[in-house]
């Protein structure tokens, strides 16, 4: 199924899922950028660059495409940048 068609079937669109992920992450992190929302099996996967205690991390947030509920969040250190 083409990406455009999948996005049309989800109750939550790309713009809204970016907002949901940004608001979720902003509760505990300084959010630098939210990007690359992709829809896989009725789940949006959004990547974000955040800063935690002066250290850059990449967060991967999973959001239910129908309800907007956060399903999970993974974190890893930003490659080649340990801290400011």
N, C-alpha and C. Protein backbone atom coordinates (compact mmCIF):
# COMPACT_ATOMS: atom_id res chain seq x y z
N UNK A 1 0.84 -1.18 0.00
CA UNK A 1 0.00 0.00 0.00
C UNK A 1 0.89 1.25 0.00
N UNK A 2 0.60 2.22 -0.80
CA UNK A 2 1.41 3.43 -0.90
C UNK A 2 1.32 4.24 0.39
N UNK A 3 2.39 4.94 0.74
CA UNK A 3 2.44 5.71 1.98
C UNK A 3 1.31 6.72 2.06
N UNK A 4 1.02 7.41 0.98
CA UNK A 4 -0.04 8.42 0.99
C UNK A 4 -1.38 7.82 1.33
N UNK A 5 -1.67 6.63 0.82
CA UNK A 5 -2.93 5.96 1.09
C UNK A 5 -3.01 5.50 2.54
N UNK A 6 -1.91 4.96 3.09
CA UNK A 6 -1.90 4.54 4.49
C UNK A 6 -2.20 5.72 5.40
N UNK A 7 -1.56 6.86 5.13
CA UNK A 7 -1.79 8.05 5.94
C UNK A 7 -3.23 8.50 5.91
N UNK A 8 -3.90 8.30 4.78
CA UNK A 8 -5.30 8.69 4.65
C UNK A 8 -6.20 7.80 5.50
N UNK A 9 -5.80 6.56 5.77
CA UNK A 9 -6.60 5.63 6.55
C UNK A 9 -6.45 5.83 8.06
N UNK A 10 -5.41 6.51 8.50
CA UNK A 10 -5.17 6.73 9.92
C UNK A 10 -6.01 7.91 10.41
N UNK A 11 -6.54 7.79 11.62
CA UNK A 11 -7.31 8.88 12.22
C UNK A 11 -6.40 10.05 12.57
N UNK A 12 -5.15 9.75 12.93
CA UNK A 12 -4.16 10.76 13.29
C UNK A 12 -3.26 10.99 12.08
N UNK A 13 -3.14 12.24 11.62
CA UNK A 13 -2.30 12.51 10.45
C UNK A 13 -0.87 12.86 10.86
N UNK A 14 0.01 13.04 9.86
CA UNK A 14 1.43 13.31 10.12
C UNK A 14 1.65 14.54 11.00
N UNK A 15 0.97 15.61 10.68
CA UNK A 15 1.15 16.85 11.44
C UNK A 15 0.75 16.65 12.91
N UNK A 16 -0.37 15.98 13.11
CA UNK A 16 -0.87 15.76 14.49
C UNK A 16 0.05 14.82 15.25
N UNK A 17 0.57 13.76 14.61
CA UNK A 17 1.44 12.83 15.33
C UNK A 17 2.76 13.50 15.71
N UNK A 18 3.27 14.40 14.88
CA UNK A 18 4.47 15.16 15.25
C UNK A 18 4.19 16.00 16.49
N UNK A 19 3.01 16.61 16.55
CA UNK A 19 2.62 17.42 17.71
C UNK A 19 2.48 16.55 18.97
N UNK A 20 1.88 15.38 18.82
CA UNK A 20 1.73 14.46 19.96
C UNK A 20 3.09 14.03 20.49
N UNK A 21 3.99 13.65 19.59
CA UNK A 21 5.34 13.22 20.00
C UNK A 21 6.10 14.37 20.66
N UNK A 22 6.03 15.56 20.07
CA UNK A 22 6.72 16.73 20.63
C UNK A 22 6.21 17.04 22.05
N UNK A 23 4.90 17.04 22.23
CA UNK A 23 4.32 17.33 23.54
C UNK A 23 4.69 16.27 24.57
N UNK A 24 4.70 15.00 24.15
CA UNK A 24 5.08 13.91 25.04
C UNK A 24 6.53 14.06 25.49
N UNK A 25 7.43 14.28 24.54
CA UNK A 25 8.85 14.39 24.87
C UNK A 25 9.18 15.65 25.65
N UNK A 26 8.46 16.73 25.39
CA UNK A 26 8.74 18.03 26.05
C UNK A 26 8.45 17.99 27.55
N UNK A 27 7.75 16.97 28.02
CA UNK A 27 7.49 16.85 29.45
C UNK A 27 8.78 16.66 30.25
N UNK A 28 9.78 16.01 29.63
CA UNK A 28 11.02 15.70 30.35
C UNK A 28 12.30 16.01 29.59
N UNK A 29 12.18 16.57 28.38
CA UNK A 29 13.35 16.80 27.55
C UNK A 29 13.26 18.14 26.84
N UNK A 30 14.40 18.66 26.44
CA UNK A 30 14.43 19.81 25.53
C UNK A 30 14.37 19.23 24.12
N UNK A 31 13.26 19.45 23.42
CA UNK A 31 13.06 18.88 22.09
C UNK A 31 13.69 19.80 21.05
N UNK A 32 14.60 19.25 20.26
CA UNK A 32 15.30 20.02 19.24
C UNK A 32 14.59 19.89 17.89
N UNK A 33 14.23 18.65 17.52
CA UNK A 33 13.60 18.42 16.22
C UNK A 33 12.75 17.15 16.28
N UNK A 34 11.61 17.18 15.61
CA UNK A 34 10.76 16.00 15.44
C UNK A 34 10.67 15.75 13.94
N UNK A 35 10.91 14.50 13.52
CA UNK A 35 11.00 14.25 12.08
C UNK A 35 10.60 12.81 11.72
N UNK A 36 10.46 12.60 10.44
CA UNK A 36 10.27 11.27 9.83
C UNK A 36 9.11 10.44 10.37
N UNK A 37 7.91 11.00 10.49
CA UNK A 37 6.81 10.12 10.89
C UNK A 37 6.50 9.11 9.80
N UNK A 38 6.50 7.85 10.16
CA UNK A 38 6.16 6.78 9.22
C UNK A 38 5.07 5.91 9.83
N UNK A 39 4.18 5.45 9.00
CA UNK A 39 3.06 4.62 9.46
C UNK A 39 3.34 3.17 9.14
N UNK A 40 3.37 2.32 10.19
CA UNK A 40 3.59 0.89 10.03
C UNK A 40 2.56 0.13 10.85
N UNK A 41 1.72 -0.65 10.19
CA UNK A 41 0.72 -1.48 10.89
C UNK A 41 -0.09 -0.71 11.91
N UNK A 42 -0.69 0.40 11.49
CA UNK A 42 -1.55 1.22 12.33
C UNK A 42 -0.82 1.87 13.50
N UNK A 43 0.51 1.99 13.38
CA UNK A 43 1.33 2.64 14.41
C UNK A 43 2.24 3.67 13.74
N UNK A 44 2.16 4.91 14.20
CA UNK A 44 3.09 5.94 13.73
C UNK A 44 4.40 5.77 14.49
N UNK A 45 5.51 5.87 13.79
CA UNK A 45 6.84 5.87 14.40
C UNK A 45 7.48 7.20 14.06
N UNK A 46 7.85 7.95 15.11
CA UNK A 46 8.38 9.30 14.94
C UNK A 46 9.74 9.37 15.61
N UNK A 47 10.72 9.94 14.92
CA UNK A 47 12.04 10.16 15.52
C UNK A 47 12.16 11.60 15.95
N UNK A 48 12.91 11.81 17.03
CA UNK A 48 13.11 13.17 17.54
C UNK A 48 14.50 13.30 18.13
N UNK A 49 15.09 14.47 17.95
CA UNK A 49 16.35 14.81 18.61
C UNK A 49 16.00 15.59 19.86
N UNK A 50 16.54 15.14 21.00
CA UNK A 50 16.28 15.81 22.26
C UNK A 50 17.59 15.99 23.02
N UNK A 51 17.56 16.85 24.02
CA UNK A 51 18.72 17.03 24.88
C UNK A 51 18.31 16.67 26.30
N UNK A 52 19.13 15.83 26.94
CA UNK A 52 18.92 15.41 28.31
C UNK A 52 20.20 15.68 29.07
N UNK A 53 20.16 16.58 30.04
CA UNK A 53 21.35 16.92 30.83
C UNK A 53 22.57 17.19 29.95
N UNK A 54 22.42 18.07 28.98
CA UNK A 54 23.48 18.50 28.06
C UNK A 54 23.99 17.39 27.14
N UNK A 55 23.23 16.32 27.00
CA UNK A 55 23.61 15.22 26.12
C UNK A 55 22.51 15.01 25.08
N UNK A 56 22.91 14.92 23.82
CA UNK A 56 21.95 14.71 22.74
C UNK A 56 21.53 13.24 22.67
N UNK A 57 20.24 13.02 22.49
CA UNK A 57 19.68 11.69 22.32
C UNK A 57 18.75 11.68 21.11
N UNK A 58 18.58 10.52 20.53
CA UNK A 58 17.57 10.32 19.50
C UNK A 58 16.47 9.48 20.15
N UNK A 59 15.26 9.98 20.14
CA UNK A 59 14.11 9.26 20.69
C UNK A 59 13.28 8.73 19.54
N UNK A 60 12.74 7.56 19.72
CA UNK A 60 11.83 6.95 18.74
C UNK A 60 10.52 6.68 19.47
N UNK A 61 9.49 7.43 19.10
CA UNK A 61 8.20 7.36 19.78
C UNK A 61 7.21 6.60 18.89
N UNK A 62 6.49 5.66 19.49
CA UNK A 62 5.45 4.92 18.78
C UNK A 62 4.09 5.41 19.26
N UNK A 63 3.21 5.75 18.28
CA UNK A 63 1.91 6.33 18.57
C UNK A 63 0.83 5.55 17.82
N UNK A 64 -0.24 5.18 18.52
CA UNK A 64 -1.37 4.50 17.88
C UNK A 64 -2.00 5.43 16.86
N UNK A 65 -2.15 4.99 15.62
CA UNK A 65 -2.64 5.83 14.52
C UNK A 65 -4.12 6.15 14.62
N UNK A 66 -4.87 5.40 15.41
CA UNK A 66 -6.30 5.66 15.55
C UNK A 66 -6.61 6.53 16.76
N UNK A 67 -5.91 6.30 17.87
CA UNK A 67 -6.24 6.99 19.12
C UNK A 67 -5.27 8.12 19.49
N UNK A 68 -4.04 8.05 18.97
CA UNK A 68 -3.03 9.03 19.35
C UNK A 68 -2.33 8.68 20.65
N UNK A 69 -2.62 7.51 21.20
CA UNK A 69 -2.02 7.06 22.45
C UNK A 69 -0.55 6.68 22.24
N UNK A 70 0.31 7.09 23.17
CA UNK A 70 1.73 6.71 23.12
C UNK A 70 1.85 5.23 23.46
N UNK A 71 2.49 4.48 22.57
CA UNK A 71 2.65 3.03 22.77
C UNK A 71 4.03 2.68 23.30
N UNK A 72 5.00 3.56 23.09
CA UNK A 72 6.34 3.27 23.57
C UNK A 72 7.32 4.35 23.15
N UNK A 73 8.49 4.31 23.78
CA UNK A 73 9.54 5.28 23.48
C UNK A 73 10.89 4.63 23.72
N UNK A 74 11.77 4.71 22.73
CA UNK A 74 13.13 4.18 22.83
C UNK A 74 14.11 5.34 22.73
N UNK A 75 15.29 5.15 23.30
CA UNK A 75 16.29 6.22 23.29
C UNK A 75 17.67 5.66 22.98
N UNK A 76 18.46 6.48 22.30
CA UNK A 76 19.88 6.15 22.10
C UNK A 76 20.66 7.45 22.02
N UNK A 77 21.94 7.37 22.36
CA UNK A 77 22.79 8.55 22.28
C UNK A 77 22.96 8.97 20.84
N UNK A 78 23.04 10.25 20.63
CA UNK A 78 23.26 10.80 19.30
C UNK A 78 24.65 10.40 18.85
N UNK A 79 24.81 9.84 17.66
CA UNK A 79 26.14 9.39 17.21
C UNK A 79 27.15 10.53 17.11
N UNK A 80 28.36 10.26 17.60
CA UNK A 80 29.51 11.15 17.49
C UNK A 80 29.40 12.43 18.29
N UNK A 81 28.33 12.60 19.09
CA UNK A 81 28.22 13.80 19.92
C UNK A 81 27.89 13.34 21.33
N UNK A 82 28.84 13.44 22.23
CA UNK A 82 28.61 13.01 23.59
C UNK A 82 27.94 14.11 24.41
N UNK A 83 28.40 15.33 24.29
CA UNK A 83 27.80 16.44 25.03
C UNK A 83 28.30 17.75 24.45
N UNK A 84 27.72 18.83 24.94
CA UNK A 84 28.13 20.17 24.46
C UNK A 84 29.47 20.56 25.01
